[in-house]
Amino acid sequence: MWDPAKQTRIDLQTHNEERDLDVLVDNQLKFHSHIRNVVSKSNTGLGPLKRSITSRSPKVFLKLYKVIIRLNLDFGNCIAAPQYKGDIRLLEGVQRRATKVINRLKDLPHDERLKNSN
């Protein structure tokens, strides 16, 4: 790029990813890395949550899940409507692991667990 005031050439730096308002966007305006980071944070929080609660009742666990884990998953508009199947699978994986924590729902298929947990 040319700078007319200094009569010199300015070299612009390129970045593969940029973080704005704590949302990662790559140079093709996709949110894959943001979703991977959010899923990683959520999975990291799910482990201590499972170990720390003694009551595995659906009511108690779902409240804690919504307050602690779901806030991470809902952060950023790209999470509200992910466009790629791989991203959807990653987000649903957190849900699958979370619904398996509830004792009475543990052996049911994923669709049944979702119906019974809401």
Protein backbone atom coordinates (compact mmCIF):
# COMPACT_ATOMS: atom_id res chain seq x y z
CA MET A 1 0.00 0.00 0.00
CA TRP A 2 1.30 3.46 -0.88
CA ASP A 3 1.52 6.25 1.73
CA PRO A 4 1.30 9.56 -0.22
CA ALA A 5 2.33 11.71 2.76
CA LYS A 6 5.68 9.97 3.22
CA GLN A 7 6.15 8.87 -0.39
CA THR A 8 6.88 5.34 0.85
CA ARG A 9 5.36 1.93 0.62
CA ILE A 10 3.60 0.49 3.69
CA ASP A 11 3.63 -3.29 4.14
CA LEU A 12 0.47 -4.62 5.75
CA GLN A 13 0.64 -7.62 8.03
CA THR A 14 -1.63 -10.56 7.44
CA HIS A 15 -3.09 -12.67 10.23
CA ASN A 16 -4.74 -16.06 10.05
CA GLU A 17 -7.05 -15.33 12.99
CA GLU A 18 -8.30 -12.21 14.66
CA ARG A 19 -10.06 -11.86 18.02
CA ASP A 20 -12.66 -9.14 18.37
CA LEU A 21 -14.99 -8.94 21.38
CA ASP A 22 -13.54 -12.31 22.41
CA VAL A 23 -14.79 -14.02 19.24
CA LEU A 24 -12.17 -15.62 17.00
CA VAL A 25 -12.60 -15.19 13.25
CA ASP A 26 -10.22 -16.59 10.66
CA ASN A 27 -9.11 -14.90 7.45
CA GLN A 28 -12.00 -16.52 5.55
CA LEU A 29 -14.56 -15.13 8.05
CA LYS A 30 -15.32 -18.54 9.54
CA PHE A 31 -15.72 -19.32 13.21
CA HIS A 32 -14.24 -22.85 13.37
CA SER A 33 -11.47 -21.94 15.79
CA HIS A 34 -13.89 -19.97 18.00
CA ILE A 35 -16.23 -22.95 18.21
CA ARG A 36 -13.34 -25.31 19.01
CA ASN A 37 -12.21 -22.99 21.82
CA VAL A 38 -15.73 -22.67 23.22
CA VAL A 39 -16.26 -26.45 23.12
CA SER A 40 -12.90 -27.00 24.80
CA LYS A 41 -13.80 -24.57 27.61
CA SER A 42 -17.19 -26.23 28.03
CA ASN A 43 -15.72 -29.74 28.18
CA THR A 44 -13.13 -28.52 30.66
CA GLY A 45 -15.89 -27.16 32.88
CA LEU A 46 -18.07 -30.24 32.54
CA GLY A 47 -15.54 -32.55 34.21
CA PRO A 48 -15.29 -30.66 37.52
CA LEU A 49 -19.05 -30.14 37.48
CA LYS A 50 -19.63 -33.91 37.23
CA ARG A 51 -17.15 -34.62 40.02
CA SER A 52 -18.31 -31.89 42.39
CA ILE A 53 -22.06 -32.49 42.56
CA THR A 54 -23.33 -35.35 44.64
CA SER A 55 -26.94 -35.07 43.53
CA ARG A 56 -27.43 -36.33 40.01
CA SER A 57 -31.07 -35.29 39.87
CA PRO A 58 -32.05 -33.73 36.56
CA LYS A 59 -33.34 -30.55 38.15
CA VAL A 60 -30.12 -29.73 40.02
CA PHE A 61 -27.75 -30.73 37.23
CA LEU A 62 -29.66 -28.91 34.48
CA LYS A 63 -29.63 -25.67 36.47
CA LEU A 64 -25.88 -25.95 37.00
CA TYR A 65 -25.35 -26.92 33.35
CA LYS A 66 -27.29 -23.90 32.12
CA VAL A 67 -25.45 -21.51 34.41
CA ILE A 68 -21.91 -22.83 33.99
CA ILE A 69 -21.59 -24.69 30.68
CA ARG A 70 -24.36 -23.31 28.50
CA LEU A 71 -23.15 -19.73 28.92
CA ASN A 72 -19.87 -20.71 27.26
CA LEU A 73 -21.67 -22.43 24.40
CA ASP A 74 -24.04 -19.54 23.75
CA PHE A 75 -21.34 -16.89 23.64
CA GLY A 76 -21.06 -15.29 20.19
CA ASN A 77 -23.62 -15.19 17.40
CA CYS A 78 -21.89 -17.92 15.42
CA ILE A 79 -22.87 -20.42 18.11
CA ALA A 80 -26.55 -19.57 17.83
CA ALA A 81 -26.70 -20.88 14.26
CA PRO A 82 -23.57 -22.84 13.29
CA GLN A 83 -23.42 -23.48 9.56
CA TYR A 84 -21.05 -26.41 9.29
CA LYS A 85 -21.76 -30.03 10.22
CA GLY A 86 -18.43 -30.42 11.98
CA ASP A 87 -19.16 -27.44 14.22
CA ILE A 88 -22.64 -28.75 14.98
CA ARG A 89 -21.19 -32.15 15.93
CA LEU A 90 -18.71 -30.52 18.30
CA LEU A 91 -21.44 -28.51 20.04
CA GLU A 92 -23.78 -31.49 20.25
CA GLY A 93 -20.96 -33.56 21.72
CA VAL A 94 -20.92 -31.34 24.79
CA GLN A 95 -24.68 -31.81 25.10
CA ARG A 96 -24.36 -35.56 24.75
CA ARG A 97 -21.76 -35.77 27.51
CA ALA A 98 -23.77 -33.48 29.77
CA THR A 99 -27.01 -35.46 29.47
CA LYS A 100 -25.17 -38.73 30.24
CA VAL A 101 -24.36 -37.38 33.70
CA ILE A 102 -27.98 -37.68 34.86
CA ASN A 103 -28.30 -41.19 36.29
CA ARG A 104 -31.80 -42.05 35.15
CA LEU A 105 -31.12 -40.81 31.60
CA LYS A 106 -27.68 -42.38 31.20
CA ASP A 107 -28.74 -45.47 29.22
CA LEU A 108 -31.26 -43.77 26.90
CA PRO A 109 -30.44 -42.67 23.35
CA HIS A 110 -29.47 -39.02 22.87
CA ASP A 111 -32.85 -37.93 21.45
CA GLU A 112 -34.69 -39.47 24.40
CA ARG A 113 -32.31 -37.84 26.88
CA LEU A 114 -32.99 -34.44 25.35
CA LYS A 115 -36.76 -34.92 25.52
CA ASN A 116 -36.68 -36.11 29.12
CA SER A 117 -34.26 -33.46 30.34
CA ASN A 118 -36.31 -30.48 29.19
